[in-house]
Amino acid sequence: MKILRWLPAAFVMLVIFLLSSLPSPDLPNFNWADKLIKKTGHILEYAVLCRTFWRGFSYRQDKRWSSWILALLYAITDEFHQSFVPGRHASVWDILLFDNLGALMSLWIAEAVASLKQSG
């Protein structure tokens, strides 16, 4: 069934939404590494989300950029959602730098792995 291909993307979106719903005082503070850990989380979340979107499109080459666009659109809605959570705020930099980087990295890695499989 085609809809089953989209379940991982729906699950990842739910996880991102739930994590974004945590008020700031409820978030752990990792002292000096706090920003590094949280920004790495953004990168990983959106790498996985983009990849699951592409899976929903059956890994069609012509849909790679559609997967990226969907990931960025979800990042925008997620940042908007965060603006209503106590102690959290929306950040265009999270979208442009970290979420975008994660989405692009997942596509690049998938392409590199596919190229290696074809050549070897």
N, C-alpha and C. Protein backbone atom coordinates (compact mmCIF):
# COMPACT_ATOMS: atom_id res chain seq x y z
N MET A 1 0.83 -1.19 0.00
CA MET A 1 0.00 0.00 0.00
C MET A 1 0.88 1.25 0.00
N LYS A 2 0.49 2.19 -0.84
CA LYS A 2 1.27 3.42 -0.97
C LYS A 2 1.29 4.24 0.32
N ILE A 3 0.20 4.24 1.05
CA ILE A 3 0.13 5.06 2.26
C ILE A 3 1.13 4.60 3.32
N LEU A 4 1.45 3.33 3.34
CA LEU A 4 2.40 2.80 4.33
C LEU A 4 3.80 3.39 4.15
N ARG A 5 4.14 3.78 2.92
CA ARG A 5 5.45 4.39 2.67
C ARG A 5 5.59 5.74 3.38
N TRP A 6 4.45 6.37 3.70
CA TRP A 6 4.47 7.69 4.32
C TRP A 6 4.39 7.63 5.85
N LEU A 7 4.15 6.45 6.42
CA LEU A 7 4.05 6.34 7.88
C LEU A 7 5.34 6.75 8.60
N PRO A 8 6.52 6.37 8.12
CA PRO A 8 7.73 6.84 8.81
C PRO A 8 7.84 8.37 8.84
N ALA A 9 7.46 9.03 7.76
CA ALA A 9 7.50 10.50 7.74
C ALA A 9 6.52 11.08 8.76
N ALA A 10 5.33 10.50 8.83
CA ALA A 10 4.34 10.97 9.80
C ALA A 10 4.85 10.76 11.23
N PHE A 11 5.51 9.64 11.47
CA PHE A 11 6.05 9.36 12.80
C PHE A 11 7.15 10.37 13.15
N VAL A 12 8.05 10.65 12.22
CA VAL A 12 9.14 11.62 12.48
C VAL A 12 8.55 13.00 12.73
N MET A 13 7.54 13.39 11.96
CA MET A 13 6.90 14.69 12.19
C MET A 13 6.27 14.75 13.58
N LEU A 14 5.66 13.65 14.02
CA LEU A 14 5.07 13.60 15.35
C LEU A 14 6.15 13.76 16.43
N VAL A 15 7.26 13.07 16.26
CA VAL A 15 8.35 13.18 17.24
C VAL A 15 8.88 14.61 17.30
N ILE A 16 9.09 15.22 16.15
CA ILE A 16 9.58 16.60 16.11
C ILE A 16 8.57 17.53 16.80
N PHE A 17 7.29 17.34 16.51
CA PHE A 17 6.24 18.16 17.12
C PHE A 17 6.25 18.01 18.64
N LEU A 18 6.35 16.77 19.11
CA LEU A 18 6.35 16.53 20.57
C LEU A 18 7.57 17.15 21.24
N LEU A 19 8.73 17.02 20.60
CA LEU A 19 9.95 17.63 21.17
C LEU A 19 9.84 19.15 21.19
N SER A 20 9.22 19.72 20.15
CA SER A 20 9.05 21.17 20.08
C SER A 20 8.01 21.68 21.06
N SER A 21 7.19 20.80 21.57
CA SER A 21 6.14 21.19 22.51
C SER A 21 6.63 21.30 23.95
N LEU A 22 7.86 20.86 24.19
CA LEU A 22 8.40 20.93 25.55
C LEU A 22 8.77 22.37 25.89
N PRO A 23 8.20 22.90 26.97
CA PRO A 23 8.58 24.26 27.38
C PRO A 23 10.07 24.31 27.73
N SER A 24 10.66 25.44 27.57
CA SER A 24 12.10 25.60 27.79
C SER A 24 12.56 25.14 29.18
N PRO A 25 11.84 25.47 30.27
CA PRO A 25 12.31 25.00 31.58
C PRO A 25 12.34 23.47 31.71
N ASP A 26 11.55 22.77 30.88
CA ASP A 26 11.51 21.31 30.93
C ASP A 26 12.63 20.66 30.14
N LEU A 27 13.37 21.45 29.37
CA LEU A 27 14.45 20.90 28.55
C LEU A 27 15.71 20.75 29.39
N PRO A 28 16.45 19.67 29.15
CA PRO A 28 17.71 19.55 29.88
C PRO A 28 18.70 20.61 29.41
N ASN A 29 19.57 21.03 30.33
CA ASN A 29 20.61 22.00 29.98
C ASN A 29 21.95 21.28 30.12
N PHE A 30 22.66 21.17 29.01
CA PHE A 30 23.92 20.44 28.99
C PHE A 30 25.12 21.36 29.17
N ASN A 31 24.88 22.50 29.81
CA ASN A 31 25.92 23.50 30.06
C ASN A 31 26.62 23.92 28.77
N TRP A 32 27.93 23.76 28.68
CA TRP A 32 28.70 24.27 27.54
C TRP A 32 28.32 23.59 26.23
N ALA A 33 27.83 22.38 26.31
CA ALA A 33 27.50 21.64 25.09
C ALA A 33 26.03 21.76 24.70
N ASP A 34 25.28 22.57 25.44
CA ASP A 34 23.84 22.66 25.22
C ASP A 34 23.49 23.00 23.78
N LYS A 35 24.07 24.08 23.27
CA LYS A 35 23.76 24.49 21.89
C LYS A 35 24.21 23.44 20.88
N LEU A 36 25.39 22.90 21.09
CA LEU A 36 25.92 21.89 20.17
C LEU A 36 24.98 20.68 20.09
N ILE A 37 24.52 20.21 21.23
CA ILE A 37 23.64 19.05 21.25
C ILE A 37 22.30 19.37 20.60
N LYS A 38 21.73 20.52 20.93
CA LYS A 38 20.42 20.88 20.39
C LYS A 38 20.48 21.16 18.88
N LYS A 39 21.53 21.81 18.42
CA LYS A 39 21.65 22.09 16.99
C LYS A 39 21.95 20.81 16.20
N THR A 40 22.72 19.92 16.80
CA THR A 40 22.94 18.61 16.16
C THR A 40 21.63 17.86 16.08
N GLY A 41 20.79 18.01 17.09
CA GLY A 41 19.46 17.40 17.06
C GLY A 41 18.64 17.90 15.89
N HIS A 42 18.70 19.21 15.65
CA HIS A 42 18.00 19.77 14.48
C HIS A 42 18.49 19.11 13.20
N ILE A 43 19.78 19.02 13.05
CA ILE A 43 20.36 18.45 11.83
C ILE A 43 19.89 17.00 11.65
N LEU A 44 19.97 16.22 12.71
CA LEU A 44 19.59 14.80 12.61
C LEU A 44 18.09 14.64 12.37
N GLU A 45 17.27 15.41 13.06
CA GLU A 45 15.82 15.31 12.88
C GLU A 45 15.43 15.57 11.43
N TYR A 46 15.98 16.61 10.86
CA TYR A 46 15.57 16.98 9.51
C TYR A 46 16.26 16.14 8.44
N ALA A 47 17.38 15.54 8.76
CA ALA A 47 17.98 14.56 7.85
C ALA A 47 17.06 13.35 7.75
N VAL A 48 16.62 12.88 8.90
CA VAL A 48 15.72 11.71 8.91
C VAL A 48 14.39 12.06 8.27
N LEU A 49 13.86 13.25 8.56
CA LEU A 49 12.57 13.64 7.98
C LEU A 49 12.65 13.71 6.46
N CYS A 50 13.68 14.35 5.94
CA CYS A 50 13.83 14.46 4.49
C CYS A 50 13.93 13.07 3.85
N ARG A 51 14.70 12.21 4.48
CA ARG A 51 14.86 10.85 3.95
C ARG A 51 13.54 10.09 3.97
N THR A 52 12.75 10.26 5.02
CA THR A 52 11.46 9.56 5.07
C THR A 52 10.47 10.15 4.06
N PHE A 53 10.57 11.44 3.79
CA PHE A 53 9.75 12.02 2.73
C PHE A 53 10.12 11.39 1.38
N TRP A 54 11.42 11.28 1.13
CA TRP A 54 11.86 10.70 -0.13
C TRP A 54 11.41 9.24 -0.23
N ARG A 55 11.42 8.54 0.89
CA ARG A 55 10.91 7.17 0.92
C ARG A 55 9.44 7.14 0.52
N GLY A 56 8.68 8.13 1.02
CA GLY A 56 7.27 8.24 0.66
C GLY A 56 7.08 8.39 -0.84
N PHE A 57 8.04 9.03 -1.48
CA PHE A 57 8.02 9.20 -2.95
C PHE A 57 8.67 8.02 -3.66
N SER A 58 8.91 6.93 -2.94
CA SER A 58 9.52 5.71 -3.50
C SER A 58 10.93 5.96 -4.04
N TYR A 59 11.64 6.89 -3.43
CA TYR A 59 13.02 7.22 -3.81
C TYR A 59 13.15 7.61 -5.28
N ARG A 60 12.11 8.19 -5.84
CA ARG A 60 12.18 8.65 -7.23
C ARG A 60 13.14 9.83 -7.33
N GLN A 61 14.06 9.76 -8.28
CA GLN A 61 15.06 10.83 -8.45
C GLN A 61 14.41 12.20 -8.68
N ASP A 62 13.32 12.21 -9.42
CA ASP A 62 12.67 13.49 -9.72
C ASP A 62 11.93 14.07 -8.50
N LYS A 63 11.89 13.35 -7.40
CA LYS A 63 11.22 13.82 -6.19
C LYS A 63 12.18 14.16 -5.05
N ARG A 64 13.49 14.08 -5.31
CA ARG A 64 14.47 14.41 -4.27
C ARG A 64 14.26 15.82 -3.74
N TRP A 65 14.13 16.77 -4.65
CA TRP A 65 14.00 18.16 -4.22
C TRP A 65 12.63 18.43 -3.63
N SER A 66 11.63 17.68 -4.02
CA SER A 66 10.32 17.79 -3.38
C SER A 66 10.42 17.37 -1.92
N SER A 67 11.22 16.35 -1.64
CA SER A 67 11.44 15.90 -0.27
C SER A 67 12.12 16.98 0.55
N TRP A 68 13.10 17.63 -0.05
CA TRP A 68 13.81 18.72 0.62
C TRP A 68 12.85 19.88 0.91
N ILE A 69 12.05 20.25 -0.07
CA ILE A 69 11.09 21.35 0.12
C ILE A 69 10.09 21.02 1.22
N LEU A 70 9.58 19.79 1.23
CA LEU A 70 8.65 19.39 2.29
C LEU A 70 9.30 19.47 3.66
N ALA A 71 10.55 19.05 3.75
CA ALA A 71 11.26 19.12 5.04
C ALA A 71 11.39 20.57 5.49
N LEU A 72 11.73 21.47 4.58
CA LEU A 72 11.86 22.88 4.96
C LEU A 72 10.52 23.50 5.31
N LEU A 73 9.47 23.11 4.59
CA LEU A 73 8.14 23.62 4.93
C LEU A 73 7.72 23.15 6.32
N TYR A 74 8.05 21.89 6.64
CA TYR A 74 7.74 21.41 7.98
C TYR A 74 8.57 22.16 9.03
N ALA A 75 9.82 22.45 8.71
CA ALA A 75 10.67 23.21 9.63
C ALA A 75 10.06 24.58 9.92
N ILE A 76 9.51 25.21 8.90
CA ILE A 76 8.87 26.52 9.09
C ILE A 76 7.68 26.40 10.03
N THR A 77 6.83 25.39 9.80
CA THR A 77 5.67 25.22 10.67
C THR A 77 6.10 24.86 12.09
N ASP A 78 7.19 24.11 12.22
CA ASP A 78 7.67 23.73 13.54
C ASP A 78 8.18 24.95 14.30
N GLU A 79 8.91 25.81 13.64
CA GLU A 79 9.40 27.02 14.30
C GLU A 79 8.23 27.93 14.68
N PHE A 80 7.23 28.02 13.83
CA PHE A 80 6.03 28.80 14.16
C PHE A 80 5.36 28.21 15.40
N HIS A 81 5.24 26.90 15.43
CA HIS A 81 4.65 26.21 16.59
C HIS A 81 5.44 26.53 17.86
N GLN A 82 6.76 26.54 17.77
CA GLN A 82 7.59 26.82 18.94
C GLN A 82 7.36 28.22 19.49
N SER A 83 6.94 29.12 18.65
CA SER A 83 6.73 30.50 19.11
C SER A 83 5.59 30.59 20.13
N PHE A 84 4.77 29.55 20.22
CA PHE A 84 3.66 29.52 21.18
C PHE A 84 3.97 28.70 22.43
N VAL A 85 5.15 28.10 22.48
CA VAL A 85 5.53 27.25 23.60
C VAL A 85 6.30 28.11 24.61
N PRO A 86 5.90 28.05 25.90
CA PRO A 86 6.57 28.88 26.91
C PRO A 86 8.09 28.65 26.94
N GLY A 87 8.82 29.75 26.90
CA GLY A 87 10.27 29.70 26.97
C GLY A 87 10.96 29.36 25.66
N ARG A 88 10.20 29.10 24.62
CA ARG A 88 10.77 28.77 23.31
C ARG A 88 10.54 29.95 22.37
N HIS A 89 11.26 29.96 21.27
CA HIS A 89 11.07 31.01 20.29
C HIS A 89 11.34 30.45 18.89
N ALA A 90 10.79 31.13 17.91
CA ALA A 90 11.03 30.74 16.52
C ALA A 90 12.37 31.30 16.07
N SER A 91 13.09 30.53 15.28
CA SER A 91 14.39 30.98 14.79
C SER A 91 14.52 30.66 13.30
N VAL A 92 14.62 31.71 12.51
CA VAL A 92 14.82 31.51 11.08
C VAL A 92 16.18 30.84 10.83
N TRP A 93 17.13 31.06 11.74
CA TRP A 93 18.47 30.46 11.59
C TRP A 93 18.42 28.95 11.77
N ASP A 94 17.55 28.48 12.66
CA ASP A 94 17.41 27.03 12.80
C ASP A 94 16.96 26.41 11.48
N ILE A 95 16.04 27.09 10.81
CA ILE A 95 15.53 26.58 9.53
C ILE A 95 16.62 26.65 8.47
N LEU A 96 17.17 27.85 8.27
CA LEU A 96 18.11 28.07 7.17
C LEU A 96 19.43 27.32 7.34
N LEU A 97 19.90 27.22 8.56
CA LEU A 97 21.19 26.56 8.77
C LEU A 97 21.06 25.09 9.14
N PHE A 98 20.45 24.81 10.26
CA PHE A 98 20.52 23.47 10.81
C PHE A 98 19.52 22.50 10.17
N ASP A 99 18.26 22.91 10.03
CA ASP A 99 17.27 22.02 9.43
C ASP A 99 17.59 21.81 7.94
N ASN A 100 17.94 22.88 7.27
CA ASN A 100 18.30 22.81 5.85
C ASN A 100 19.54 21.93 5.66
N LEU A 101 20.54 22.13 6.49
CA LEU A 101 21.77 21.33 6.40
C LEU A 101 21.45 19.85 6.59
N GLY A 102 20.64 19.51 7.56
CA GLY A 102 20.28 18.11 7.78
C GLY A 102 19.56 17.51 6.59
N ALA A 103 18.60 18.23 6.04
CA ALA A 103 17.85 17.73 4.88
C ALA A 103 18.78 17.53 3.68
N LEU A 104 19.63 18.52 3.42
CA LEU A 104 20.55 18.41 2.28
C LEU A 104 21.58 17.29 2.47
N MET A 105 22.06 17.15 3.70
CA MET A 105 23.04 16.08 3.98
C MET A 105 22.44 14.70 3.73
N SER A 106 21.18 14.51 4.11
CA SER A 106 20.57 13.19 3.91
C SER A 106 20.47 12.86 2.43
N LEU A 107 20.13 13.86 1.62
CA LEU A 107 20.05 13.61 0.17
C LEU A 107 21.42 13.36 -0.42
N TRP A 108 22.41 14.12 0.04
CA TRP A 108 23.78 13.94 -0.45
C TRP A 108 24.30 12.55 -0.08
N ILE A 109 24.09 12.14 1.16
CA ILE A 109 24.56 10.82 1.60
C ILE A 109 23.85 9.71 0.82
N ALA A 110 22.55 9.85 0.62
CA ALA A 110 21.81 8.84 -0.15
C ALA A 110 22.34 8.74 -1.57
N GLU A 111 22.64 9.87 -2.18
CA GLU A 111 23.18 9.89 -3.54
C GLU A 111 24.57 9.27 -3.57
N ALA A 112 25.39 9.58 -2.58
CA ALA A 112 26.75 9.02 -2.53
C ALA A 112 26.70 7.50 -2.36
N VAL A 113 25.82 7.02 -1.51
CA VAL A 113 25.69 5.57 -1.30
C VAL A 113 25.19 4.90 -2.59
N ALA A 114 24.21 5.52 -3.25
CA ALA A 114 23.70 4.96 -4.50
C ALA A 114 24.79 4.91 -5.57
N SER A 115 25.62 5.94 -5.63
CA SER A 115 26.72 5.96 -6.60
C SER A 115 27.74 4.87 -6.32
N LEU A 116 28.03 4.66 -5.04
CA LEU A 116 28.97 3.61 -4.67
C LEU A 116 28.44 2.23 -5.03
N LYS A 117 27.15 2.02 -4.83
CA LYS A 117 26.54 0.73 -5.15
C LYS A 117 26.58 0.48 -6.67
N GLN A 118 26.35 1.55 -7.45
CA GLN A 118 26.35 1.40 -8.89
C GLN A 118 27.76 1.13 -9.45
N SER A 119 28.76 1.76 -8.85
CA SER A 119 30.11 1.61 -9.36
C SER A 119 30.80 0.36 -8.84
N GLY A 120 30.29 -0.20 -7.79
CA GLY A 120 30.99 -1.35 -7.21
C GLY A 120 30.15 -2.53 -7.20
